[in-house]
PDB file of N, CA and C in Angstrom:
ATOM      1  N   MET A   1       0.646  -0.891   0.055  1.00  0.00           N
ATOM      2  CA  MET A   1      -0.107  -0.392   0.138  1.00  0.00           C
ATOM      3  C   MET A   1       0.716   1.258   0.189  1.00  0.00           C
ATOM      4  N   ALA A   2       0.215   2.099  -0.610  1.00  0.00           N
ATOM      5  CA  ALA A   2       1.290   3.643  -0.847  1.00  0.00           C
ATOM      6  C   ALA A   2       0.983   4.018   0.044  1.00  0.00           C
ATOM      7  N   CYS A   3       1.425   5.026   0.559  1.00  0.00           N
ATOM      8  CA  CYS A   3       1.392   6.151   1.909  1.00  0.00           C
ATOM      9  C   CYS A   3       0.393   7.644   1.190  1.00  0.00           C
ATOM     10  N   LYS A   4      -0.183   7.904   1.880  1.00  0.00           N
ATOM     11  CA  LYS A   4      -0.256   8.816   0.967  1.00  0.00           C
ATOM     12  C   LYS A   4       0.709  10.671   1.633  1.00  0.00           C
ATOM     13  N   SER A   5       0.375  11.286   1.061  1.00  0.00           N
ATOM     14  CA  SER A   5       0.334  11.990   0.130  1.00  0.00           C
ATOM     15  C   SER A   5       0.035  13.303   1.247  1.00  0.00           C
ATOM     16  N   ARG A   6       0.912  14.215   1.996  1.00  0.00           N
ATOM     17  CA  ARG A   6       0.764  15.224   2.953  1.00  0.00           C
ATOM     18  C   ARG A   6      -0.894  16.178   2.265  1.00  0.00           C
ATOM     19  N   VAL A   7      -0.721  16.000   0.702  1.00  0.00           N
ATOM     20  CA  VAL A   7      -1.822  16.913   0.318  1.00  0.00           C
ATOM     21  C   VAL A   7      -3.162  15.987   0.591  1.00  0.00           C
ATOM     22  N   SER A   8      -3.177  14.819  -0.079  1.00  0.00           N
ATOM     23  CA  SER A   8      -4.444  14.136   0.146  1.00  0.00           C
ATOM     24  C   SER A   8      -4.343  14.238   1.253  1.00  0.00           C
ATOM     25  N   ASP A   9      -4.022  13.971   2.303  1.00  0.00           N
ATOM     26  CA  ASP A   9      -4.261  13.989   3.944  1.00  0.00           C
ATOM     27  C   ASP A   9      -5.190  15.060   3.678  1.00  0.00           C
ATOM     28  N   ALA A  10      -4.768  16.224   3.639  1.00  0.00           N
ATOM     29  CA  ALA A  10      -5.006  17.429   3.995  1.00  0.00           C
ATOM     30  C   ALA A  10      -6.438  18.114   3.230  1.00  0.00           C
ATOM     31  N   ILE A  11      -6.101  17.292   1.604  1.00  0.00           N
ATOM     32  CA  ILE A  11      -7.091  17.243   1.088  1.00  0.00           C
ATOM     33  C   ILE A  11      -9.218  16.373   1.585  1.00  0.00           C
ATOM     34  N   ALA A  12      -8.245  15.285   1.925  1.00  0.00           N
ATOM     35  CA  ALA A  12      -9.631  14.814   3.113  1.00  0.00           C
ATOM     36  C   ALA A  12      -9.812  15.138   4.592  1.00  0.00           C
ATOM     37  N   THR A  13      -8.864  15.906   5.170  1.00  0.00           N
ATOM     38  CA  THR A  13      -9.061  16.964   6.108  1.00  0.00           C
ATOM     39  C   THR A  13     -10.375  18.118   6.095  1.00  0.00           C
ATOM     40  N   LEU A  14     -10.191  18.977   5.062  1.00  0.00           N
ATOM     41  CA  LEU A  14     -10.604  19.827   4.628  1.00  0.00           C
ATOM     42  C   LEU A  14     -12.760  19.277   4.196  1.00  0.00           C
ATOM     43  N   VAL A  15     -12.306  18.169   3.476  1.00  0.00           N
ATOM     44  CA  VAL A  15     -14.008  17.228   3.402  1.00  0.00           C
ATOM     45  C   VAL A  15     -14.767  17.254   3.980  1.00  0.00           C
ATOM     46  N   GLY A  16     -14.000  16.796   5.299  1.00  0.00           N
ATOM     47  CA  GLY A  16     -14.046  15.610   6.291  1.00  0.00           C
ATOM     48  C   GLY A  16     -15.315  16.659   7.720  1.00  0.00           C
ATOM     49  N   VAL A  17     -14.251  18.224   7.629  1.00  0.00           N
ATOM     50  CA  VAL A  17     -14.753  18.556   8.359  1.00  0.00           C
ATOM     51  C   VAL A  17     -15.922  19.503   7.620  1.00  0.00           C
ATOM     52  N   PHE A  18     -16.105  19.962   6.051  1.00  0.00           N
ATOM     53  CA  PHE A  18     -17.050  20.773   5.169  1.00  0.00           C
ATOM     54  C   PHE A  18     -17.986  19.606   6.376  1.00  0.00           C
ATOM     55  N   HIS A  19     -17.918  17.994   5.305  1.00  0.00           N
ATOM     56  CA  HIS A  19     -19.457  17.096   5.515  1.00  0.00           C
ATOM     57  C   HIS A  19     -19.798  17.937   7.426  1.00  0.00           C
ATOM     58  N   GLU A  20     -19.044  17.519   7.687  1.00  0.00           N
ATOM     59  CA  GLU A  20     -19.507  17.775   9.377  1.00  0.00           C
ATOM     60  C   GLU A  20     -20.601  19.527  10.002  1.00  0.00           C
ATOM     61  N   TYR A  21     -19.259  19.835   8.650  1.00  0.00           N
ATOM     62  CA  TYR A  21     -19.922  21.424   9.108  1.00  0.00           C
ATOM     63  C   TYR A  21     -21.610  20.935   8.397  1.00  0.00           C
ATOM     64  N   ALA A  22     -21.548  20.501   7.306  1.00  0.00           N
ATOM     65  CA  ALA A  22     -22.703  20.828   5.858  1.00  0.00           C
ATOM     66  C   ALA A  22     -23.715  19.935   6.518  1.00  0.00           C
ATOM     67  N   SER A  23     -23.510  18.637   7.711  1.00  0.00           N
ATOM     68  CA  SER A  23     -24.664  17.828   7.941  1.00  0.00           C
ATOM     69  C   SER A  23     -25.881  18.308   9.734  1.00  0.00           C
ATOM     70  N   LYS A  24     -25.528  19.570   9.960  1.00  0.00           N
ATOM     71  CA  LYS A  24     -25.809  19.725  10.964  1.00  0.00           C
ATOM     72  C   LYS A  24     -27.435  20.323  10.977  1.00  0.00           C
ATOM     73  N   ASP A  25     -27.247  21.036   9.333  1.00  0.00           N
ATOM     74  CA  ASP A  25     -28.903  20.983   9.435  1.00  0.00           C
ATOM     75  C   ASP A  25     -29.534  20.016   8.883  1.00  0.00           C
ATOM     76  N   CYS A  26     -30.120  18.725   9.584  1.00  0.00           N
ATOM     77  CA  CYS A  26     -30.665  17.127   8.904  1.00  0.00           C
ATOM     78  C   CYS A  26     -31.721  18.232   7.473  1.00  0.00           C
ATOM     79  N   GLU A  27     -32.292  19.279   7.949  1.00  0.00           N
ATOM     80  CA  GLU A  27     -33.351  19.560   7.234  1.00  0.00           C
ATOM     81  C   GLU A  27     -31.893  19.770   4.935  1.00  0.00           C
ATOM     82  N   GLU A  28     -30.656  20.269   5.268  1.00  0.00           N
ATOM     83  CA  GLU A  28     -30.880  21.025   4.467  1.00  0.00           C
ATOM     84  C   GLU A  28     -30.334  19.509   3.475  1.00  0.00           C
ATOM     85  N   ASP A  29     -29.774  20.309   2.567  1.00  0.00           N
ATOM     86  CA  ASP A  29     -28.666  19.600   1.652  1.00  0.00           C
ATOM     87  C   ASP A  29     -27.260  19.440   2.685  1.00  0.00           C
ATOM     88  N   HIS A  30     -27.434  17.901   2.162  1.00  0.00           N
ATOM     89  CA  HIS A  30     -25.622  17.623   3.493  1.00  0.00           C
ATOM     90  C   HIS A  30     -24.420  17.809   2.667  1.00  0.00           C
ATOM     91  N   PHE A  31     -24.580  18.437   1.254  1.00  0.00           N
ATOM     92  CA  PHE A  31     -23.738  18.354   0.072  1.00  0.00           C
ATOM     93  C   PHE A  31     -22.629  19.943   0.678  1.00  0.00           C
ATOM     94  N   LYS A  32     -24.002  21.029   1.026  1.00  0.00           N
ATOM     95  CA  LYS A  32     -23.930  22.635   0.721  1.00  0.00           C
ATOM     96  C   LYS A  32     -23.713  23.053   2.317  1.00  0.00           C
ATOM     97  N   LEU A  33     -23.255  23.910   3.024  1.00  0.00           N
ATOM     98  CA  LEU A  33     -23.385  23.872   3.800  1.00  0.00           C
ATOM     99  C   LEU A  33     -24.377  25.527   4.276  1.00  0.00           C
ATOM    100  N   SER A  34     -25.287  26.549   5.035  1.00  0.00           N
ATOM    101  CA  SER A  34     -25.740  27.536   5.057  1.00  0.00           C
ATOM    102  C   SER A  34     -25.095  28.981   5.811  1.00  0.00           C
ATOM    103  N   LYS A  35     -25.808  29.611   5.778  1.00  0.00           N
ATOM    104  CA  LYS A  35     -25.003  30.587   6.266  1.00  0.00           C
ATOM    105  C   LYS A  35     -24.645  30.201   7.575  1.00  0.00           C
ATOM    106  N   SER A  36     -25.668  29.649   8.403  1.00  0.00           N
ATOM    107  CA  SER A  36     -24.988  29.323   9.847  1.00  0.00           C
ATOM    108  C   SER A  36     -24.186  28.656   9.891  1.00  0.00           C
ATOM    109  N   GLU A  37     -24.118  27.431   9.187  1.00  0.00           N
ATOM    110  CA  GLU A  37     -22.220  26.333   8.951  1.00  0.00           C
ATOM    111  C   GLU A  37     -21.022  27.595   8.387  1.00  0.00           C
ATOM    112  N   LEU A  38     -21.709  28.141   7.834  1.00  0.00           N
ATOM    113  CA  LEU A  38     -20.268  28.611   7.011  1.00  0.00           C
ATOM    114  C   LEU A  38     -19.566  29.183   8.401  1.00  0.00           C
ATOM    115  N   LYS A  39     -21.001  30.500   8.782  1.00  0.00           N
ATOM    116  CA  LYS A  39     -20.283  31.049   9.465  1.00  0.00           C
ATOM    117  C   LYS A  39     -19.699  30.018  10.962  1.00  0.00           C
ATOM    118  N   GLU A  40     -20.361  28.939  11.647  1.00  0.00           N
ATOM    119  CA  GLU A  40     -19.886  28.330  12.907  1.00  0.00           C
ATOM    120  C   GLU A  40     -17.964  27.558  12.241  1.00  0.00           C
ATOM    121  N   LEU A  41     -18.230  27.421  10.883  1.00  0.00           N
ATOM    122  CA  LEU A  41     -17.356  26.298  10.226  1.00  0.00           C
ATOM    123  C   LEU A  41     -16.310  27.789  10.068  1.00  0.00           C
ATOM    124  N   MET A  42     -15.862  28.997   9.512  1.00  0.00           N
ATOM    125  CA  MET A  42     -15.106  30.112   9.620  1.00  0.00           C
ATOM    126  C   MET A  42     -14.477  30.206  11.388  1.00  0.00           C
ATOM    127  N   GLN A  43     -15.725  30.636  12.233  1.00  0.00           N
ATOM    128  CA  GLN A  43     -15.809  30.513  14.167  1.00  0.00           C
ATOM    129  C   GLN A  43     -14.810  29.644  14.700  1.00  0.00           C
ATOM    130  N   LYS A  44     -15.297  28.261  14.490  1.00  0.00           N
ATOM    131  CA  LYS A  44     -14.462  26.921  15.398  1.00  0.00           C
ATOM    132  C   LYS A  44     -13.266  26.281  14.156  1.00  0.00           C
ATOM    133  N   GLU A  45     -13.600  26.531  12.971  1.00  0.00           N
ATOM    134  CA  GLU A  45     -12.063  25.724  12.376  1.00  0.00           C
ATOM    135  C   GLU A  45     -10.905  26.144  12.124  1.00  0.00           C
ATOM    136  N   LEU A  46     -11.285  27.922  11.652  1.00  0.00           N
ATOM    137  CA  LEU A  46     -10.457  28.846  10.861  1.00  0.00           C
ATOM    138  C   LEU A  46      -9.448  30.700  11.652  1.00  0.00           C
ATOM    139  N   ASP A  47     -10.569  30.059  13.280  1.00  0.00           N
ATOM    140  CA  ASP A  47      -9.862  30.498  14.573  1.00  0.00           C
ATOM    141  C   ASP A  47     -10.977  31.854  14.029  1.00  0.00           C
ATOM    142  N   MET A  48     -11.899  32.224  13.785  1.00  0.00           N
ATOM    143  CA  MET A  48     -12.521  34.251  13.349  1.00  0.00           C
ATOM    144  C   MET A  48     -13.797  33.537  14.473  1.00  0.00           C
ATOM    145  N   ASP A  49     -13.417  33.394  15.625  1.00  0.00           N
ATOM    146  CA  ASP A  49     -14.628  33.810  16.785  1.00  0.00           C
ATOM    147  C   ASP A  49     -15.077  34.841  17.318  1.00  0.00           C
ATOM    148  N   ASN A  50     -14.509  35.775  16.116  1.00  0.00           N
ATOM    149  CA  ASN A  50     -14.332  37.207  16.132  1.00  0.00           C
ATOM    150  C   ASN A  50     -15.042  37.732  15.031  1.00  0.00           C
ATOM    151  N   VAL A  51     -15.819  36.783  14.635  1.00  0.00           N
ATOM    152  CA  VAL A  51     -16.142  37.795  13.357  1.00  0.00           C
ATOM    153  C   VAL A  51     -17.731  37.915  14.168  1.00  0.00           C
ATOM    154  N   LYS A  52     -17.131  39.755  13.480  1.00  0.00           N
ATOM    155  CA  LYS A  52     -18.370  40.911  14.169  1.00  0.00           C
ATOM    156  C   LYS A  52     -19.613  41.949  13.193  1.00  0.00           C
ATOM    157  N   ASP A  53     -18.764  40.999  11.903  1.00  0.00           N
ATOM    158  CA  ASP A  53     -19.573  43.007  11.399  1.00  0.00           C
ATOM    159  C   ASP A  53     -20.733  41.022  10.375  1.00  0.00           C
ATOM    160  N   PRO A  54     -21.736  41.256  10.709  1.00  0.00           N
ATOM    161  CA  PRO A  54     -22.904  40.399   9.940  1.00  0.00           C
ATOM    162  C   PRO A  54     -22.273  41.603   8.245  1.00  0.00           C
ATOM    163  N   ALA A  55     -22.523  42.340   7.630  1.00  0.00           N
ATOM    164  CA  ALA A  55     -23.005  42.460   6.701  1.00  0.00           C
ATOM    165  C   ALA A  55     -21.683  42.135   5.662  1.00  0.00           C
ATOM    166  N   LYS A  56     -19.879  41.701   6.224  1.00  0.00           N
ATOM    167  CA  LYS A  56     -18.726  40.899   5.800  1.00  0.00           C
ATOM    168  C   LYS A  56     -19.392  39.682   5.041  1.00  0.00           C
ATOM    169  N   LEU A  57     -20.416  39.397   6.276  1.00  0.00           N
ATOM    170  CA  LEU A  57     -20.147  37.913   6.700  1.00  0.00           C
ATOM    171  C   LEU A  57     -21.759  37.357   5.498  1.00  0.00           C
ATOM    172  N   ASP A  58     -22.072  38.689   5.335  1.00  0.00           N
ATOM    173  CA  ASP A  58     -23.440  38.476   3.895  1.00  0.00           C
ATOM    174  C   ASP A  58     -23.292  38.834   2.705  1.00  0.00           C
ATOM    175  N   GLU A  59     -21.944  39.432   2.678  1.00  0.00           N
ATOM    176  CA  GLU A  59     -21.193  39.868   1.847  1.00  0.00           C
ATOM    177  C   GLU A  59     -20.627  38.646   0.759  1.00  0.00           C
ATOM    178  N   LEU A  60     -19.454  37.747   1.995  1.00  0.00           N
ATOM    179  CA  LEU A  60     -19.618  36.581   1.756  1.00  0.00           C
ATOM    180  C   LEU A  60     -20.429  35.358   0.695  1.00  0.00           C
ATOM    181  N   MET A  61     -21.332  35.468   2.211  1.00  0.00           N
ATOM    182  CA  MET A  61     -21.984  34.725   1.706  1.00  0.00           C
ATOM    183  C   MET A  61     -23.074  34.737  -0.097  1.00  0.00           C
ATOM    184  N   LYS A  62     -23.120  35.812  -0.577  1.00  0.00           N
ATOM    185  CA  LYS A  62     -23.627  36.451  -1.250  1.00  0.00           C
ATOM    186  C   LYS A  62     -22.059  35.971  -2.866  1.00  0.00           C
ATOM    187  N   GLU A  63     -21.041  36.408  -2.823  1.00  0.00           N
ATOM    188  CA  GLU A  63     -20.047  36.242  -3.458  1.00  0.00           C
ATOM    189  C   GLU A  63     -20.050  34.238  -3.579  1.00  0.00           C
ATOM    190  N   LEU A  64     -20.389  33.925  -2.838  1.00  0.00           N
ATOM    191  CA  LEU A  64     -19.702  32.470  -2.310  1.00  0.00           C
ATOM    192  C   LEU A  64     -20.922  32.015  -3.415  1.00  0.00           C
ATOM    193  N   ASP A  65     -22.358  31.824  -2.681  1.00  0.00           N
ATOM    194  CA  ASP A  65     -23.150  31.414  -3.233  1.00  0.00           C
ATOM    195  C   ASP A  65     -24.016  32.024  -4.595  1.00  0.00           C
ATOM    196  N   GLU A  66     -23.794  31.249  -5.766  1.00  0.00           N
ATOM    197  CA  GLU A  66     -23.752  32.029  -6.789  1.00  0.00           C
ATOM    198  C   GLU A  66     -24.875  31.695  -7.665  1.00  0.00           C
ATOM    199  N   ASP A  67     -25.357  30.338  -7.755  1.00  0.00           N
ATOM    200  CA  ASP A  67     -26.961  29.509  -8.010  1.00  0.00           C
ATOM    201  C   ASP A  67     -28.238  30.925  -7.550  1.00  0.00           C
ATOM    202  N   GLY A  68     -27.527  31.079  -5.783  1.00  0.00           N
ATOM    203  CA  GLY A  68     -28.361  31.678  -4.989  1.00  0.00           C
ATOM    204  C   GLY A  68     -29.453  31.639  -3.769  1.00  0.00           C
ATOM    205  N   ASP A  69     -29.028  30.127  -3.792  1.00  0.00           N
ATOM    206  CA  ASP A  69     -29.884  29.792  -3.325  1.00  0.00           C
ATOM    207  C   ASP A  69     -29.031  29.015  -1.630  1.00  0.00           C
ATOM    208  N   GLY A  70     -29.200  30.095  -0.952  1.00  0.00           N
ATOM    209  CA  GLY A  70     -28.976  30.572   0.286  1.00  0.00           C
ATOM    210  C   GLY A  70     -27.564  29.246   0.675  1.00  0.00           C
ATOM    211  N   GLN A  71     -26.875  28.474  -0.529  1.00  0.00           N
ATOM    212  CA  GLN A  71     -25.941  27.435   0.093  1.00  0.00           C
ATOM    213  C   GLN A  71     -24.616  27.731  -0.412  1.00  0.00           C
ATOM    214  N   VAL A  72     -23.839  26.794   0.743  1.00  0.00           N
ATOM    215  CA  VAL A  72     -22.241  27.013  -0.432  1.00  0.00           C
ATOM    216  C   VAL A  72     -21.768  25.374  -0.513  1.00  0.00           C
ATOM    217  N   ASP A  73     -21.346  25.391  -1.092  1.00  0.00           N
ATOM    218  CA  ASP A  73     -20.646  24.296  -1.761  1.00  0.00           C
ATOM    219  C   ASP A  73     -19.005  23.398  -1.793  1.00  0.00           C
ATOM    220  N   PHE A  74     -18.700  21.864  -1.665  1.00  0.00           N
ATOM    221  CA  PHE A  74     -17.429  22.469  -0.939  1.00  0.00           C
ATOM    222  C   PHE A  74     -16.233  22.840  -1.900  1.00  0.00           C
ATOM    223  N   LEU A  75     -16.315  22.679  -3.332  1.00  0.00           N
ATOM    224  CA  LEU A  75     -15.193  23.819  -4.128  1.00  0.00           C
ATOM    225  C   LEU A  75     -15.572  25.000  -3.863  1.00  0.00           C
ATOM    226  N   ASP A  76     -16.744  26.164  -4.105  1.00  0.00           N
ATOM    227  CA  ASP A  76     -16.580  27.249  -3.177  1.00  0.00           C
ATOM    228  C   ASP A  76     -16.197  27.828  -2.191  1.00  0.00           C
ATOM    229  N   ALA A  77     -16.592  26.984  -1.400  1.00  0.00           N
ATOM    230  CA  ALA A  77     -16.565  27.236   0.069  1.00  0.00           C
ATOM    231  C   ALA A  77     -14.487  27.134   0.595  1.00  0.00           C
ATOM    232  N   PHE A  78     -14.048  26.381  -0.553  1.00  0.00           N
ATOM    233  CA  PHE A  78     -12.651  25.828  -0.199  1.00  0.00           C
ATOM    234  C   PHE A  78     -12.350  26.624  -1.004  1.00  0.00           C
ATOM    235  N   PHE A  79     -12.386  26.835  -2.238  1.00  0.00           N
ATOM    236  CA  PHE A  79     -11.691  27.100  -3.654  1.00  0.00           C
ATOM    237  C   PHE A  79     -11.445  28.195  -4.316  1.00  0.00           C
ATOM    238  N   SER A  80     -12.442  29.215  -3.329  1.00  0.00           N
ATOM    239  CA  SER A  80     -13.119  30.340  -4.449  1.00  0.00           C
ATOM    240  C   SER A  80     -11.244  31.531  -3.635  1.00  0.00           C
ATOM    241  N   PRO A  81     -10.924  32.135  -4.523  1.00  0.00           N
ATOM    242  CA  PRO A  81     -10.343  33.531  -4.430  1.00  0.00           C
ATOM    243  C   PRO A  81     -10.849  34.516  -3.269  1.00  0.00           C
ATOM    244  N   PHE A  82     -12.267  34.399  -3.296  1.00  0.00           N
ATOM    245  CA  PHE A  82     -13.078  35.191  -2.573  1.00  0.00           C
ATOM    246  C   PHE A  82     -12.417  34.955  -0.980  1.00  0.00           C
ATOM    247  N   PHE A  83     -12.976  33.158  -1.125  1.00  0.00           N
ATOM    248  CA  PHE A  83     -13.291  32.395   0.439  1.00  0.00           C
ATOM    249  C   PHE A  83     -11.954  33.552   1.526  1.00  0.00           C
ATOM    250  N   PHE A  84     -10.648  32.941   0.095  1.00  0.00           N
ATOM    251  CA  PHE A  84      -8.884  33.568   1.120  1.00  0.00           C
ATOM    252  C   PHE A  84      -8.980  35.202   1.750  1.00  0.00           C
ATOM    253  N   PHE A  85      -9.866  36.054   0.312  1.00  0.00           N
ATOM    254  CA  PHE A  85      -9.869  37.086   1.010  1.00  0.00           C
ATOM    255  C   PHE A  85     -10.026  37.966   2.587  1.00  0.00           C
ATOM    256  N   PHE A  86     -11.374  36.643   2.257  1.00  0.00           N
ATOM    257  CA  PHE A  86     -11.596  36.871   3.866  1.00  0.00           C
ATOM    258  C   PHE A  86     -11.365  36.019   4.980  1.00  0.00           C
ATOM    259  N   LEU A  87      -9.536  35.635   4.657  1.00  0.00           N
ATOM    260  CA  LEU A  87      -9.484  34.966   5.704  1.00  0.00           C
ATOM    261  C   LEU A  87      -8.668  36.005   6.085  1.00  0.00           C
ATOM    262  N   ASP A  88      -7.999  37.076   5.350  1.00  0.00           N
ATOM    263  CA  ASP A  88      -6.824  38.261   5.495  1.00  0.00           C
ATOM    264  C   ASP A  88      -6.862  38.159   7.024  1.00  0.00           C
ATOM    265  N   PRO A  89      -6.428  38.453   7.802  1.00  0.00           N
ATOM    266  CA  PRO A  89      -6.253  39.002   9.563  1.00  0.00           C
ATOM    267  C   PRO A  89      -6.256  41.022   9.807  1.00  0.00           C
ATOM    268  N   GLU A  90      -6.148  41.108   8.483  1.00  0.00           N
ATOM    269  CA  GLU A  90      -6.002  42.665   8.615  1.00  0.00           C
ATOM    270  C   GLU A  90      -7.462  43.213   7.831  1.00  0.00           C
ATOM    271  N   ASP A  91      -8.441  42.414   7.219  1.00  0.00           N
ATOM    272  CA  ASP A  91     -10.099  42.512   6.671  1.00  0.00           C
ATOM    273  C   ASP A  91     -10.973  42.656   7.316  1.00  0.00           C
ATOM    274  N   SER A  92     -11.576  44.106   7.776  1.00  0.00           N
ATOM    275  CA  SER A  92     -12.734  44.320   8.685  1.00  0.00           C
ATOM    276  C   SER A  92     -13.162  43.258   8.993  1.00  0.00           C
ATOM    277  N   LEU A  93     -13.574  42.243   8.178  1.00  0.00           N
ATOM    278  CA  LEU A  93     -14.480  40.860   9.130  1.00  0.00           C
ATOM    279  C   LEU A  93     -14.358  41.118  10.028  1.00  0.00           C
ATOM    280  N   HIS A  94     -13.000  41.072  10.572  1.00  0.00           N
ATOM    281  CA  HIS A  94     -12.879  40.801  12.359  1.00  0.00           C
ATOM    282  C   HIS A  94     -13.320  42.094  13.061  1.00  0.00           C
ATOM    283  N   GLY A  95     -13.547  42.678  12.262  1.00  0.00           N
ATOM    284  CA  GLY A  95     -14.108  43.568  13.683  1.00  0.00           C
ATOM    285  C   GLY A  95     -12.927  45.144  13.736  1.00  0.00           C
ATOM    286  N   GLU A  96     -11.960  44.946  13.628  1.00  0.00           N
ATOM    287  CA  GLU A  96     -10.915  45.090  13.460  1.00  0.00           C
ATOM    288  C   GLU A  96     -11.165  47.101  13.317  1.00  0.00           C
TER     289      GLU A  96
END
């Protein structure tokens, strides 16, 4: 059996974390994050527990939610350049 690479381990971790949060709303799609699930993931997994500006979170969700269904899929959540822009600690999303 071949050793798994660090990249494949990292991707498996991202997928696992995404599905853990996407599964919280039993009535919703388990393959997409709702706005509340995205916020919880950002707060707990990305050490962004000081997200204070709801308008910025709304803006992020709007940019990631391309089809307007109020949910974000895995590729949009973790591979969108816009998402990484919001991870910048200098950004006003942190309320600084």
